[in-house]
C-alpha atoms as a PDB file:
ATOM      1  CA  MET A   1       0.000   0.000   0.000  1.00  0.00           C
ATOM      2  CA  SER A   2       1.622   3.252  -1.087  1.00  0.00           C
ATOM      3  CA  GLN A   3       1.439   6.295   1.129  1.00  0.00           C
ATOM      4  CA  GLU A   4      -0.528   9.202  -0.287  1.00  0.00           C
ATOM      5  CA  GLN A   5       1.641  12.205  -1.074  1.00  0.00           C
ATOM      6  CA  PRO A   6       0.870  15.441   0.778  1.00  0.00           C
ATOM      7  CA  PRO A   7      -0.891  18.140  -1.206  1.00  0.00           C
ATOM      8  CA  SER A   8       1.307  21.006  -2.322  1.00  0.00           C
ATOM      9  CA  LEU A   9       1.783  23.768   0.192  1.00  0.00           C
ATOM     10  CA  SER A  10      -0.158  26.938  -0.349  1.00  0.00           C
ATOM     11  CA  LYS A  11       1.868  29.775  -1.830  1.00  0.00           C
ATOM     12  CA  SER A  12       1.919  32.077   1.201  1.00  0.00           C
ATOM     13  CA  THR A  13       0.945  32.341   4.809  1.00  0.00           C
ATOM     14  CA  GLN A  14      -2.474  33.898   5.320  1.00  0.00           C
ATOM     15  CA  GLN A  15      -3.879  36.004   8.118  1.00  0.00           C
ATOM     16  CA  SER A  16      -6.615  34.292  10.110  1.00  0.00           C
ATOM     17  CA  SER A  17      -9.305  36.599   8.682  1.00  0.00           C
ATOM     18  CA  ASP A  18      -8.279  35.689   5.104  1.00  0.00           C
ATOM     19  CA  ALA A  19      -8.049  31.983   5.914  1.00  0.00           C
ATOM     20  CA  LEU A  20     -11.651  31.987   7.139  1.00  0.00           C
ATOM     21  CA  LYS A  21     -12.740  33.606   3.850  1.00  0.00           C
ATOM     22  CA  ALA A  22     -11.163  30.764   1.863  1.00  0.00           C
ATOM     23  CA  ASP A  23     -13.299  28.154   0.124  1.00  0.00           C
ATOM     24  CA  LEU A  24     -14.182  24.944   1.936  1.00  0.00           C
ATOM     25  CA  TYR A  25     -11.456  22.288   1.810  1.00  0.00           C
ATOM     26  CA  GLN A  26      -8.918  24.845   0.552  1.00  0.00           C
ATOM     27  CA  THR A  27      -5.393  24.360   1.902  1.00  0.00           C
ATOM     28  CA  VAL A  28      -4.140  27.283   3.994  1.00  0.00           C
ATOM     29  CA  ASP A  29      -1.022  28.202   5.941  1.00  0.00           C
ATOM     30  CA  VAL A  30      -1.469  30.506   8.945  1.00  0.00           C
ATOM     31  CA  GLU A  31       0.737  32.139  11.568  1.00  0.00           C
ATOM     32  CA  VAL A  32      -1.246  32.531  14.779  1.00  0.00           C
ATOM     33  CA  LYS A  33      -0.992  32.654  18.549  1.00  0.00           C
ATOM     34  CA  VAL A  34      -2.763  29.944  20.552  1.00  0.00           C
ATOM     35  CA  LEU A  35      -4.897  31.764  23.115  1.00  0.00           C
ATOM     36  CA  HIS A  36      -6.849  28.835  24.525  1.00  0.00           C
ATOM     37  CA  LYS A  37      -6.319  25.096  24.280  1.00  0.00           C
ATOM     38  CA  SER A  38      -8.967  22.818  25.688  1.00  0.00           C
ATOM     39  CA  PRO A  39      -7.425  20.514  28.298  1.00  0.00           C
ATOM     40  CA  LEU A  40      -9.756  17.714  27.208  1.00  0.00           C
ATOM     41  CA  LYS A  41      -9.215  15.417  24.253  1.00  0.00           C
ATOM     42  CA  GLU A  42     -12.456  14.469  22.540  1.00  0.00           C
ATOM     43  CA  THR A  43     -12.589  10.889  21.263  1.00  0.00           C
ATOM     44  CA  LEU A  44     -14.413  10.305  17.980  1.00  0.00           C
ATOM     45  CA  PHE A  45     -15.246   6.997  16.348  1.00  0.00           C
ATOM     46  CA  GLN A  46     -14.629   6.779  12.588  1.00  0.00           C
ATOM     47  CA  GLY A  47     -15.386   3.383  11.127  1.00  0.00           C
ATOM     48  CA  ASN A  48     -13.399   0.809  13.084  1.00  0.00           C
ATOM     49  CA  CYS A  49     -10.939   3.245  14.639  1.00  0.00           C
ATOM     50  CA  THR A  50     -10.976   6.037  17.177  1.00  0.00           C
ATOM     51  CA  LYS A  51      -9.336   9.436  16.827  1.00  0.00           C
ATOM     52  CA  CYS A  52      -8.697  12.177  19.371  1.00  0.00           C
ATOM     53  CA  LYS A  53      -9.138  15.875  18.743  1.00  0.00           C
ATOM     54  CA  THR A  54      -8.832  19.107  20.682  1.00  0.00           C
ATOM     55  CA  ASP A  55     -10.170  22.544  19.802  1.00  0.00           C
ATOM     56  CA  VAL A  56      -8.021  25.639  20.244  1.00  0.00           C
ATOM     57  CA  ILE A  57      -8.739  29.337  19.808  1.00  0.00           C
ATOM     58  CA  VAL A  58      -6.032  31.047  17.766  1.00  0.00           C
ATOM     59  CA  ALA A  59      -5.624  34.684  16.781  1.00  0.00           C
ATOM     60  CA  ASP A  60      -3.456  37.212  15.031  1.00  0.00           C
ATOM     61  CA  HIS A  61      -3.818  40.980  14.636  1.00  0.00           C
ATOM     62  CA  THR A  62      -6.792  40.598  12.249  1.00  0.00           C
ATOM     63  CA  ASN A  63      -9.131  38.066  13.829  1.00  0.00           C
ATOM     64  CA  SER A  64      -9.479  34.846  15.801  1.00  0.00           C
ATOM     65  CA  ALA A  65     -10.479  31.377  14.666  1.00  0.00           C
ATOM     66  CA  LYS A  66     -11.168  27.891  15.924  1.00  0.00           C
ATOM     67  CA  LEU A  67      -8.426  25.469  14.964  1.00  0.00           C
ATOM     68  CA  VAL A  68      -8.861  21.711  15.423  1.00  0.00           C
ATOM     69  CA  LEU A  69      -5.827  19.637  16.400  1.00  0.00           C
ATOM     70  CA  TRP A  70      -5.862  15.895  15.678  1.00  0.00           C
ATOM     71  CA  GLU A  71      -3.971  12.954  17.197  1.00  0.00           C
ATOM     72  CA  VAL A  72      -0.187  13.455  17.644  1.00  0.00           C
ATOM     73  CA  ILE A  73      -0.419  17.147  16.750  1.00  0.00           C
ATOM     74  CA  ILE A  74      -2.343  17.838  19.983  1.00  0.00           C
ATOM     75  CA  ASP A  75       0.720  17.470  22.199  1.00  0.00           C
ATOM     76  CA  LYS A  76       2.914  19.603  19.910  1.00  0.00           C
ATOM     77  CA  VAL A  77       0.918  22.783  20.627  1.00  0.00           C
ATOM     78  CA  ASP A  78       0.805  24.819  23.855  1.00  0.00           C
ATOM     79  CA  SER A  79      -1.333  27.767  24.917  1.00  0.00           C
ATOM     80  CA  VAL A  80       0.185  31.257  24.714  1.00  0.00           C
ATOM     81  CA  LYS A  81       2.741  30.242  22.066  1.00  0.00           C
ATOM     82  CA  SER A  82       2.780  31.297  18.416  1.00  0.00           C
ATOM     83  CA  TYR A  83       3.023  28.854  15.521  1.00  0.00           C
ATOM     84  CA  ARG A  84       3.037  28.540  11.755  1.00  0.00           C
ATOM     85  CA  PHE A  85       0.571  25.854  10.676  1.00  0.00           C
ATOM     86  CA  ASN A  86       1.271  24.643   7.124  1.00  0.00           C
ATOM     87  CA  ASN A  87      -1.151  22.494   5.121  1.00  0.00           C
ATOM     88  CA  CYS A  88      -4.381  23.002   7.052  1.00  0.00           C
ATOM     89  CA  LYS A  89      -7.839  22.694   5.504  1.00  0.00           C
ATOM     90  CA  ILE A  90     -10.847  24.970   5.863  1.00  0.00           C
ATOM     91  CA  ARG A  91     -13.907  23.126   7.167  1.00  0.00           C
ATOM     92  CA  ILE A  92     -17.384  24.101   8.336  1.00  0.00           C
ATOM     93  CA  PHE A  93     -19.654  22.865  11.128  1.00  0.00           C
ATOM     94  CA  ASP A  94     -22.947  24.458  12.222  1.00  0.00           C
ATOM     95  CA  ASP A  95     -22.395  27.284   9.702  1.00  0.00           C
ATOM     96  CA  HIS A  96     -19.063  28.224  11.350  1.00  0.00           C
ATOM     97  CA  LYS A  97     -15.827  27.915   9.402  1.00  0.00           C
ATOM     98  CA  TYR A  98     -12.744  26.664  11.184  1.00  0.00           C
ATOM     99  CA  ILE A  99      -9.170  25.636  10.415  1.00  0.00           C
ATOM    100  CA  ASN A 100      -8.531  21.892  10.533  1.00  0.00           C
ATOM    101  CA  THR A 101      -5.181  20.141  10.876  1.00  0.00           C
ATOM    102  CA  ASN A 102      -4.545  16.805   9.171  1.00  0.00           C
ATOM    103  CA  GLU A 103      -1.810  14.187   8.760  1.00  0.00           C
ATOM    104  CA  PHE A 104       0.085  16.521   6.380  1.00  0.00           C
ATOM    105  CA  THR A 105       0.011  19.581   8.668  1.00  0.00           C
ATOM    106  CA  LYS A 106       3.444  20.857   9.643  1.00  0.00           C
ATOM    107  CA  ILE A 107       3.772  22.931  12.820  1.00  0.00           C
ATOM    108  CA  THR A 108       6.644  25.327  13.511  1.00  0.00           C
ATOM    109  CA  GLU A 109       6.962  27.476  16.623  1.00  0.00           C
ATOM    110  CA  ILE A 110       7.594  31.106  15.653  1.00  0.00           C
ATOM    111  CA  GLU A 111       8.389  34.382  17.403  1.00  0.00           C
ATOM    112  CA  ASP A 112       5.602  35.502  19.727  1.00  0.00           C
ATOM    113  CA  ILE A 113       2.752  37.390  18.052  1.00  0.00           C
ATOM    114  CA  LYS A 114       2.162  40.299  20.415  1.00  0.00           C
ATOM    115  CA  ASN A 115      -0.566  42.456  18.854  1.00  0.00           C
ATOM    116  CA  VAL A 116      -3.478  40.003  18.943  1.00  0.00           C
ATOM    117  CA  ASN A 117      -7.016  41.238  18.203  1.00  0.00           C
ATOM    118  CA  LEU A 118      -8.814  40.614  21.511  1.00  0.00           C
ATOM    119  CA  LEU A 119     -12.130  42.073  20.319  1.00  0.00           C
ATOM    120  CA  SER A 120     -13.302  39.166  18.179  1.00  0.00           C
ATOM    121  CA  PRO A 121     -16.459  37.335  19.355  1.00  0.00           C
ATOM    122  CA  GLN A 122     -14.688  33.980  19.875  1.00  0.00           C
ATOM    123  CA  ILE A 123     -12.184  35.557  22.238  1.00  0.00           C
ATOM    124  CA  GLN A 124     -14.862  37.527  24.084  1.00  0.00           C
ATOM    125  CA  GLU A 125     -16.782  34.271  24.737  1.00  0.00           C
ATOM    126  CA  ASN A 126     -13.735  32.855  26.537  1.00  0.00           C
ATOM    127  CA  MET A 127     -12.811  35.961  28.563  1.00  0.00           C
ATOM    128  CA  ILE A 128     -13.898  36.420  32.151  1.00  0.00           C
ATOM    129  CA  PRO A 129     -13.999  40.043  33.327  1.00  0.00           C
ATOM    130  CA  ALA A 130     -12.407  40.593  36.719  1.00  0.00           C
ATOM    131  CA  LYS A 131     -11.258  43.391  38.995  1.00  0.00           C
ATOM    132  CA  CYS A 132      -8.044  43.515  40.943  1.00  0.00           C
ATOM    133  CA  MET A 133      -8.904  43.475  44.650  1.00  0.00           C
ATOM    134  CA  GLY A 134      -5.450  44.364  45.907  1.00  0.00           C
ATOM    135  CA  VAL A 135      -1.725  44.033  45.519  1.00  0.00           C
ATOM    136  CA  GLU A 136       0.807  43.111  48.162  1.00  0.00           C
ATOM    137  CA  VAL A 137       4.251  44.601  47.621  1.00  0.00           C
ATOM    138  CA  LYS A 138       7.212  43.479  49.674  1.00  0.00           C
ATOM    139  CA  LYS A 139      10.563  45.153  49.619  1.00  0.00           C
ATOM    140  CA  GLY A 140      13.775  43.537  50.668  1.00  0.00           C
ATOM    141  CA  SER A 141      17.429  44.350  50.374  1.00  0.00           C
ATOM    142  CA  SER A 142      20.477  42.152  50.280  1.00  0.00           C
ATOM    143  CA  CYS A 143      24.195  42.485  49.899  1.00  0.00           C
ATOM    144  CA  ILE A 144      26.032  40.112  47.598  1.00  0.00           C
ATOM    145  CA  LEU A 145      29.788  39.925  47.988  1.00  0.00           C
END
């Protein structure tokens, strides 16, 4: 049984807002920051085998998106880090587009993306407003010889 060759990489990395405008099943490459990674792995049954997946919320300076991690890729991604995801596919579920990894997806950690758009609806759904109730400041001095 010959192994299927990976599809060709897309020509350039897209911003998350452009990736979500892409046609269904189109291959995209994105550079994004992982803002939230679900600690739970969801087990799905496909035919005679089971597969695990985890949803993450990713963002860049333009928008945020749901990105689905499958199988061994799940443990290669951490919250609050930035990555380039090559060879992802655009999918849709319940009229919401998302970015889907697959067996050909390549993940590379990149320099931290600092200016993330925190105003998108997906991010707002996961934010909990809070107020600082107080700060304790301690001062100490030491002499090192």
